[in-house]
Amino acid sequence: MTVDHIGWRVRALFFFFMAVVMTACAFPAQTKQEIVHTFFLNPEGMEGPGRGGAGKRSTGVLLVNLPQTRAGFDTERIAYLRRAHEVSYYAAGEWVDTPARMLAPLLVRAFERIGAWQTVVQMPSAVRGDYRIDSDDLTLGQEFFQYPSRVRLTLRAQLIDLRQHRPLGTKRFEVLEEAPSEDAYGGVLAANRAVARLLDEAAAWAAACMEEADRCPSPDD
């Protein structure tokens, strides 16, 4: 093979390579990765004054355990349901953390505001408590069973007197909020309103349990 022939092949390969590069620049890939939007729970109305009442008899330390989440909802992915018993997730929307980890500090703040305890501590902690809040059956999902869609938030809570080793009361909360739009952001807005309502209801229930035992629902109620 002559030198001229080798040079011709090199030049041909060079021009072919440049043609490929120019074509790629002129026609960029049409598929782009969808941008994922990240949201957090920030319910309104959390900075208002405390409820008072039990605050005059504030005593002891309340421990607040991390809520236990129902299977399918213990994820940063934003859940929605188009039919019963089938959970789906938004591809381009997610929470900054799991619902349980976002809700736990909000519960602490809600219980602090009622003034029923000297200190409210989020678990895990080395602090010894006099009372403890356990919660489970947490779900947070946008339901498209009707129009407009609704966000359903559920939680079952139990207040335990650690000094007497007995439950003071148990209550299941369920909150429904209509979404302002049929997308992930509409679900996020409705979720924040639902969380605000749940926090108010949970705080009122806990205050009632501390003030009068007969006003605190028992596990059999």
C-alpha atoms as a PDB file:
ATOM      1  CA  MET A   1       0.000   0.000   0.000  1.00  0.00           C
ATOM      2  CA  THR A   2       1.487   3.316  -1.103  1.00  0.00           C
ATOM      3  CA  VAL A   3       1.960   6.332   1.121  1.00  0.00           C
ATOM      4  CA  ASP A   4      -0.523   8.333  -0.983  1.00  0.00           C
ATOM      5  CA  HIS A   5      -3.143   5.648  -0.586  1.00  0.00           C
ATOM      6  CA  ILE A   6      -2.694   5.609   3.218  1.00  0.00           C
ATOM      7  CA  GLY A   7      -2.940   9.385   3.324  1.00  0.00           C
ATOM      8  CA  TRP A   8      -6.159   9.296   1.306  1.00  0.00           C
ATOM      9  CA  ARG A   9      -7.733   6.823   3.756  1.00  0.00           C
ATOM     10  CA  VAL A  10      -6.705   8.948   6.746  1.00  0.00           C
ATOM     11  CA  ARG A  11      -8.230  12.045   5.116  1.00  0.00           C
ATOM     12  CA  ALA A  12     -11.415  10.124   4.314  1.00  0.00           C
ATOM     13  CA  LEU A  13     -11.767   8.946   7.906  1.00  0.00           C
ATOM     14  CA  PHE A  14     -11.131  12.481   9.158  1.00  0.00           C
ATOM     15  CA  PHE A  15     -13.860  13.958   6.931  1.00  0.00           C
ATOM     16  CA  PHE A  16     -16.269  11.175   7.953  1.00  0.00           C
ATOM     17  CA  PHE A  17     -15.598  11.881  11.641  1.00  0.00           C
ATOM     18  CA  MET A  18     -16.167  15.616  11.160  1.00  0.00           C
ATOM     19  CA  ALA A  19     -19.430  14.940   9.331  1.00  0.00           C
ATOM     20  CA  VAL A  20     -20.669  12.817  12.216  1.00  0.00           C
ATOM     21  CA  VAL A  21     -19.741  15.505  14.752  1.00  0.00           C
ATOM     22  CA  MET A  22     -21.440  18.275  12.749  1.00  0.00           C
ATOM     23  CA  THR A  23     -24.586  16.171  12.340  1.00  0.00           C
ATOM     24  CA  ALA A  24     -24.729  15.544  16.077  1.00  0.00           C
ATOM     25  CA  CYS A  25     -24.398  19.271  16.758  1.00  0.00           C
ATOM     26  CA  ALA A  26     -27.065  20.159  14.222  1.00  0.00           C
ATOM     27  CA  PHE A  27     -29.524  17.573  15.534  1.00  0.00           C
ATOM     28  CA  PRO A  28     -29.152  17.207  19.303  1.00  0.00           C
ATOM     29  CA  ALA A  29     -30.797  14.314  21.099  1.00  0.00           C
ATOM     30  CA  GLN A  30     -34.532  14.787  21.402  1.00  0.00           C
ATOM     31  CA  THR A  31     -34.878  12.888  24.665  1.00  0.00           C
ATOM     32  CA  LYS A  32     -34.124  14.977  27.724  1.00  0.00           C
ATOM     33  CA  GLN A  33     -34.190  13.767  31.305  1.00  0.00           C
ATOM     34  CA  GLU A  34     -37.268  15.098  33.042  1.00  0.00           C
ATOM     35  CA  ILE A  35     -36.540  17.586  35.807  1.00  0.00           C
ATOM     36  CA  VAL A  36     -37.482  16.237  39.230  1.00  0.00           C
ATOM     37  CA  HIS A  37     -39.130  18.778  41.534  1.00  0.00           C
ATOM     38  CA  THR A  38     -38.550  18.339  45.267  1.00  0.00           C
ATOM     39  CA  PHE A  39     -41.126  19.439  47.859  1.00  0.00           C
ATOM     40  CA  PHE A  40     -41.365  19.598  51.646  1.00  0.00           C
ATOM     41  CA  LEU A  41     -44.086  19.815  54.258  1.00  0.00           C
ATOM     42  CA  ASN A  42     -44.416  23.334  55.616  1.00  0.00           C
ATOM     43  CA  PRO A  43     -47.978  23.693  56.963  1.00  0.00           C
ATOM     44  CA  GLU A  44     -49.268  27.166  57.657  1.00  0.00           C
ATOM     45  CA  GLY A  45     -50.436  28.248  61.090  1.00  0.00           C
ATOM     46  CA  MET A  46     -47.586  26.627  63.024  1.00  0.00           C
ATOM     47  CA  GLU A  47     -46.246  29.864  64.514  1.00  0.00           C
ATOM     48  CA  GLY A  48     -49.360  30.994  66.340  1.00  0.00           C
ATOM     49  CA  PRO A  49     -49.665  31.320  70.124  1.00  0.00           C
ATOM     50  CA  GLY A  50     -49.997  28.257  72.291  1.00  0.00           C
ATOM     51  CA  ARG A  51     -53.352  26.938  73.373  1.00  0.00           C
ATOM     52  CA  GLY A  52     -52.779  27.477  77.080  1.00  0.00           C
ATOM     53  CA  GLY A  53     -55.043  25.397  79.306  1.00  0.00           C
ATOM     54  CA  ALA A  54     -52.777  22.549  80.318  1.00  0.00           C
ATOM     55  CA  GLY A  55     -49.832  24.921  80.344  1.00  0.00           C
ATOM     56  CA  LYS A  56     -50.653  25.995  83.920  1.00  0.00           C
ATOM     57  CA  ARG A  57     -49.897  22.461  85.006  1.00  0.00           C
ATOM     58  CA  SER A  58     -46.965  21.818  82.700  1.00  0.00           C
ATOM     59  CA  THR A  59     -45.003  18.886  84.025  1.00  0.00           C
ATOM     60  CA  GLY A  60     -42.696  16.150  82.884  1.00  0.00           C
ATOM     61  CA  VAL A  61     -41.054  15.272  79.612  1.00  0.00           C
ATOM     62  CA  LEU A  62     -42.882  14.040  76.517  1.00  0.00           C
ATOM     63  CA  LEU A  63     -41.043  11.771  74.090  1.00  0.00           C
ATOM     64  CA  VAL A  64     -42.287  11.659  70.497  1.00  0.00           C
ATOM     65  CA  ASN A  65     -41.423   8.560  68.506  1.00  0.00           C
ATOM     66  CA  LEU A  66     -40.961   8.540  64.744  1.00  0.00           C
ATOM     67  CA  PRO A  67     -44.335   7.597  63.174  1.00  0.00           C
ATOM     68  CA  GLN A  68     -44.527   4.137  61.651  1.00  0.00           C
ATOM     69  CA  THR A  69     -45.670   4.254  58.035  1.00  0.00           C
ATOM     70  CA  ARG A  70     -47.976   1.892  56.212  1.00  0.00           C
ATOM     71  CA  ALA A  71     -46.285  -0.149  53.484  1.00  0.00           C
ATOM     72  CA  GLY A  72     -46.093   1.697  50.167  1.00  0.00           C
ATOM     73  CA  PHE A  73     -45.904   5.164  51.734  1.00  0.00           C
ATOM     74  CA  ASP A  74     -42.507   4.963  53.463  1.00  0.00           C
ATOM     75  CA  THR A  75     -40.659   6.633  50.597  1.00  0.00           C
ATOM     76  CA  GLU A  76     -39.586  10.054  49.371  1.00  0.00           C
ATOM     77  CA  ARG A  77     -41.628   9.464  46.210  1.00  0.00           C
ATOM     78  CA  ILE A  78     -44.969  11.296  46.151  1.00  0.00           C
ATOM     79  CA  ALA A  79     -47.732   8.708  46.179  1.00  0.00           C
ATOM     80  CA  TYR A  80     -51.025   8.847  44.331  1.00  0.00           C
ATOM     81  CA  LEU A  81     -53.871   6.399  43.701  1.00  0.00           C
ATOM     82  CA  ARG A  82     -56.090   6.151  40.621  1.00  0.00           C
ATOM     83  CA  ARG A  83     -57.931   3.125  41.940  1.00  0.00           C
ATOM     84  CA  ALA A  84     -58.256   1.463  45.315  1.00  0.00           C
ATOM     85  CA  HIS A  85     -55.437  -0.752  46.571  1.00  0.00           C
ATOM     86  CA  GLU A  86     -52.951   0.385  43.895  1.00  0.00           C
ATOM     87  CA  VAL A  87     -50.255   2.923  44.800  1.00  0.00           C
ATOM     88  CA  SER A  88     -48.383   4.828  42.081  1.00  0.00           C
ATOM     89  CA  TYR A  89     -45.703   7.517  42.285  1.00  0.00           C
ATOM     90  CA  TYR A  90     -45.038  10.743  40.414  1.00  0.00           C
ATOM     91  CA  ALA A  91     -41.994  10.475  38.155  1.00  0.00           C
ATOM     92  CA  ALA A  92     -41.076  14.173  38.334  1.00  0.00           C
ATOM     93  CA  GLY A  93     -41.999  14.983  41.938  1.00  0.00           C
ATOM     94  CA  GLU A  94     -40.659  13.794  45.276  1.00  0.00           C
ATOM     95  CA  TRP A  95     -40.477  14.786  48.940  1.00  0.00           C
ATOM     96  CA  VAL A  96     -37.221  15.949  50.513  1.00  0.00           C
ATOM     97  CA  ASP A  97     -37.626  13.074  52.984  1.00  0.00           C
ATOM     98  CA  THR A  98     -40.120  10.382  53.899  1.00  0.00           C
ATOM     99  CA  PRO A  99     -43.489  11.575  55.251  1.00  0.00           C
ATOM    100  CA  ALA A 100     -42.659  10.130  58.673  1.00  0.00           C
ATOM    101  CA  ARG A 101     -39.377  12.020  58.990  1.00  0.00           C
ATOM    102  CA  MET A 102     -40.996  15.260  57.844  1.00  0.00           C
ATOM    103  CA  LEU A 103     -43.964  14.855  60.181  1.00  0.00           C
ATOM    104  CA  ALA A 104     -42.038  13.964  63.365  1.00  0.00           C
ATOM    105  CA  PRO A 105     -40.534  17.437  64.076  1.00  0.00           C
ATOM    106  CA  LEU A 106     -43.871  19.057  63.193  1.00  0.00           C
ATOM    107  CA  LEU A 107     -45.582  16.906  65.821  1.00  0.00           C
ATOM    108  CA  VAL A 108     -42.965  17.969  68.360  1.00  0.00           C
ATOM    109  CA  ARG A 109     -43.668  21.637  67.649  1.00  0.00           C
ATOM    110  CA  ALA A 110     -47.428  21.087  67.848  1.00  0.00           C
ATOM    111  CA  PHE A 111     -47.160  19.382  71.244  1.00  0.00           C
ATOM    112  CA  GLU A 112     -44.790  22.071  72.515  1.00  0.00           C
ATOM    113  CA  ARG A 113     -47.340  24.770  71.753  1.00  0.00           C
ATOM    114  CA  ILE A 114     -50.058  23.350  74.018  1.00  0.00           C
ATOM    115  CA  GLY A 115     -47.828  23.754  77.079  1.00  0.00           C
ATOM    116  CA  ALA A 116     -48.776  20.442  78.691  1.00  0.00           C
ATOM    117  CA  TRP A 117     -45.153  19.391  79.242  1.00  0.00           C
ATOM    118  CA  GLN A 118     -42.014  21.149  80.342  1.00  0.00           C
ATOM    119  CA  THR A 119     -40.081  19.573  77.478  1.00  0.00           C
ATOM    120  CA  VAL A 120     -40.998  17.751  74.275  1.00  0.00           C
ATOM    121  CA  VAL A 121     -38.219  15.619  72.787  1.00  0.00           C
ATOM    122  CA  GLN A 122     -38.087  13.843  69.450  1.00  0.00           C
ATOM    123  CA  MET A 123     -36.839  10.269  69.601  1.00  0.00           C
ATOM    124  CA  PRO A 124     -34.321   8.743  69.491  1.00  0.00           C
ATOM    125  CA  SER A 125     -32.848  10.504  72.508  1.00  0.00           C
ATOM    126  CA  ALA A 126     -31.055   9.639  75.736  1.00  0.00           C
ATOM    127  CA  VAL A 127     -33.499  11.855  77.664  1.00  0.00           C
ATOM    128  CA  ARG A 128     -35.728  10.010  80.117  1.00  0.00           C
ATOM    129  CA  GLY A 129     -39.375  10.738  79.539  1.00  0.00           C
ATOM    130  CA  ASP A 130     -42.503  10.776  81.682  1.00  0.00           C
ATOM    131  CA  TYR A 131     -44.865  10.397  78.736  1.00  0.00           C
ATOM    132  CA  ARG A 132     -44.497   9.116  75.196  1.00  0.00           C
ATOM    133  CA  ILE A 133     -46.384   9.499  71.947  1.00  0.00           C
ATOM    134  CA  ASP A 134     -46.280   6.462  69.653  1.00  0.00           C
ATOM    135  CA  SER A 135     -47.905   6.619  66.232  1.00  0.00           C
ATOM    136  CA  ASP A 136     -48.406   4.296  63.293  1.00  0.00           C
ATOM    137  CA  ASP A 137     -50.585   3.651  60.225  1.00  0.00           C
ATOM    138  CA  LEU A 138     -49.260   6.836  58.589  1.00  0.00           C
ATOM    139  CA  THR A 139     -50.372   7.319  54.988  1.00  0.00           C
ATOM    140  CA  LEU A 140     -50.137  10.374  52.734  1.00  0.00           C
ATOM    141  CA  GLY A 141     -51.393  10.071  49.177  1.00  0.00           C
ATOM    142  CA  GLN A 142     -53.326  11.924  46.485  1.00  0.00           C
ATOM    143  CA  GLU A 143     -56.471  10.084  45.416  1.00  0.00           C
ATOM    144  CA  PHE A 144     -57.938  10.494  41.911  1.00  0.00           C
ATOM    145  CA  PHE A 145     -61.165   8.650  42.716  1.00  0.00           C
ATOM    146  CA  GLN A 146     -63.197  11.782  41.992  1.00  0.00           C
ATOM    147  CA  TYR A 147     -62.807  15.341  40.720  1.00  0.00           C
ATOM    148  CA  PRO A 148     -61.164  17.304  42.154  1.00  0.00           C
ATOM    149  CA  SER A 149     -58.643  14.859  43.531  1.00  0.00           C
ATOM    150  CA  ARG A 150     -58.124  14.698  47.295  1.00  0.00           C
ATOM    151  CA  VAL A 151     -55.202  14.066  49.586  1.00  0.00           C
ATOM    152  CA  ARG A 152     -55.829  11.579  52.380  1.00  0.00           C
ATOM    153  CA  LEU A 153     -53.673  11.719  55.514  1.00  0.00           C
ATOM    154  CA  THR A 154     -54.075   9.122  58.252  1.00  0.00           C
ATOM    155  CA  LEU A 155     -52.306   8.532  61.560  1.00  0.00           C
ATOM    156  CA  ARG A 156     -53.038   6.522  64.698  1.00  0.00           C
ATOM    157  CA  ALA A 157     -51.516   7.934  67.884  1.00  0.00           C
ATOM    158  CA  GLN A 158     -51.217   6.663  71.444  1.00  0.00           C
ATOM    159  CA  LEU A 159     -50.248   8.657  74.532  1.00  0.00           C
ATOM    160  CA  ILE A 160     -48.511   6.551  77.179  1.00  0.00           C
ATOM    161  CA  ASP A 161     -47.836   7.427  80.816  1.00  0.00           C
ATOM    162  CA  LEU A 162     -44.366   5.968  81.344  1.00  0.00           C
ATOM    163  CA  ARG A 163     -44.473   6.488  85.112  1.00  0.00           C
ATOM    164  CA  GLN A 164     -47.556   4.331  85.542  1.00  0.00           C
ATOM    165  CA  HIS A 165     -46.807   2.120  82.531  1.00  0.00           C
ATOM    166  CA  ARG A 166     -50.233   2.543  80.982  1.00  0.00           C
ATOM    167  CA  PRO A 167     -51.783   4.137  77.895  1.00  0.00           C
ATOM    168  CA  LEU A 168     -53.798   7.265  78.550  1.00  0.00           C
ATOM    169  CA  GLY A 169     -55.554   7.210  75.200  1.00  0.00           C
ATOM    170  CA  THR A 170     -55.457   6.217  71.562  1.00  0.00           C
ATOM    171  CA  LYS A 171     -56.944   8.017  68.591  1.00  0.00           C
ATOM    172  CA  ARG A 172     -56.974   7.519  64.825  1.00  0.00           C
ATOM    173  CA  PHE A 173     -56.874  10.672  62.729  1.00  0.00           C
ATOM    174  CA  GLU A 174     -58.010  10.933  59.118  1.00  0.00           C
ATOM    175  CA  VAL A 175     -57.931  14.178  57.141  1.00  0.00           C
ATOM    176  CA  LEU A 176     -59.111  14.785  53.561  1.00  0.00           C
ATOM    177  CA  GLU A 177     -58.183  17.890  51.583  1.00  0.00           C
ATOM    178  CA  GLU A 178     -59.117  18.759  48.003  1.00  0.00           C
ATOM    179  CA  ALA A 179     -56.204  19.433  45.650  1.00  0.00           C
ATOM    180  CA  PRO A 180     -56.245  22.791  43.795  1.00  0.00           C
ATOM    181  CA  SER A 181     -54.784  21.136  40.666  1.00  0.00           C
ATOM    182  CA  GLU A 182     -54.570  17.626  39.292  1.00  0.00           C
ATOM    183  CA  ASP A 183     -50.810  17.237  39.542  1.00  0.00           C
ATOM    184  CA  ALA A 184     -48.021  16.705  42.058  1.00  0.00           C
ATOM    185  CA  TYR A 185     -47.904  20.355  43.106  1.00  0.00           C
ATOM    186  CA  GLY A 186     -51.642  20.412  43.728  1.00  0.00           C
ATOM    187  CA  GLY A 187     -51.174  17.334  45.898  1.00  0.00           C
ATOM    188  CA  VAL A 188     -48.345  18.999  47.808  1.00  0.00           C
ATOM    189  CA  LEU A 189     -50.488  22.052  48.593  1.00  0.00           C
ATOM    190  CA  ALA A 190     -53.346  19.849  49.773  1.00  0.00           C
ATOM    191  CA  ALA A 191     -50.928  17.720  51.818  1.00  0.00           C
ATOM    192  CA  ASN A 192     -49.689  20.784  53.685  1.00  0.00           C
ATOM    193  CA  ARG A 193     -53.252  21.821  54.537  1.00  0.00           C
ATOM    194  CA  ALA A 194     -54.010  18.280  55.668  1.00  0.00           C
ATOM    195  CA  VAL A 195     -50.934  18.183  57.898  1.00  0.00           C
ATOM    196  CA  ALA A 196     -51.888  21.520  59.482  1.00  0.00           C
ATOM    197  CA  ARG A 197     -55.328  20.138  60.362  1.00  0.00           C
ATOM    198  CA  LEU A 198     -53.899  16.894  61.720  1.00  0.00           C
ATOM    199  CA  LEU A 199     -51.426  18.769  63.928  1.00  0.00           C
ATOM    200  CA  ASP A 200     -54.226  20.884  65.406  1.00  0.00           C
ATOM    201  CA  GLU A 201     -56.385  17.818  66.055  1.00  0.00           C
ATOM    202  CA  ALA A 202     -53.515  15.820  67.565  1.00  0.00           C
ATOM    203  CA  ALA A 203     -52.510  18.707  69.844  1.00  0.00           C
ATOM    204  CA  ALA A 204     -56.111  19.194  71.041  1.00  0.00           C
ATOM    205  CA  TRP A 205     -56.455  15.479  71.710  1.00  0.00           C
ATOM    206  CA  ALA A 206     -53.178  15.303  73.663  1.00  0.00           C
ATOM    207  CA  ALA A 207     -54.137  18.358  75.733  1.00  0.00           C
ATOM    208  CA  ALA A 208     -57.480  16.771  76.568  1.00  0.00           C
ATOM    209  CA  CYS A 209     -55.743  13.553  77.618  1.00  0.00           C
ATOM    210  CA  MET A 210     -53.506  15.481  79.998  1.00  0.00           C
ATOM    211  CA  GLU A 211     -56.332  17.569  81.455  1.00  0.00           C
ATOM    212  CA  GLU A 212     -59.113  15.012  81.845  1.00  0.00           C
ATOM    213  CA  ALA A 213     -58.834  11.280  81.306  1.00  0.00           C
ATOM    214  CA  ASP A 214     -62.524  10.941  80.387  1.00  0.00           C
ATOM    215  CA  ARG A 215     -61.999  13.292  77.418  1.00  0.00           C
ATOM    216  CA  CYS A 216     -59.197  11.154  75.995  1.00  0.00           C
ATOM    217  CA  PRO A 217     -60.415   8.383  73.652  1.00  0.00           C
ATOM    218  CA  SER A 218     -59.376   4.921  74.792  1.00  0.00           C
ATOM    219  CA  PRO A 219     -58.162   2.122  72.512  1.00  0.00           C
ATOM    220  CA  ASP A 220     -61.679   0.654  72.583  1.00  0.00           C
ATOM    221  CA  ASP A 221     -63.414   3.855  71.437  1.00  0.00           C
END
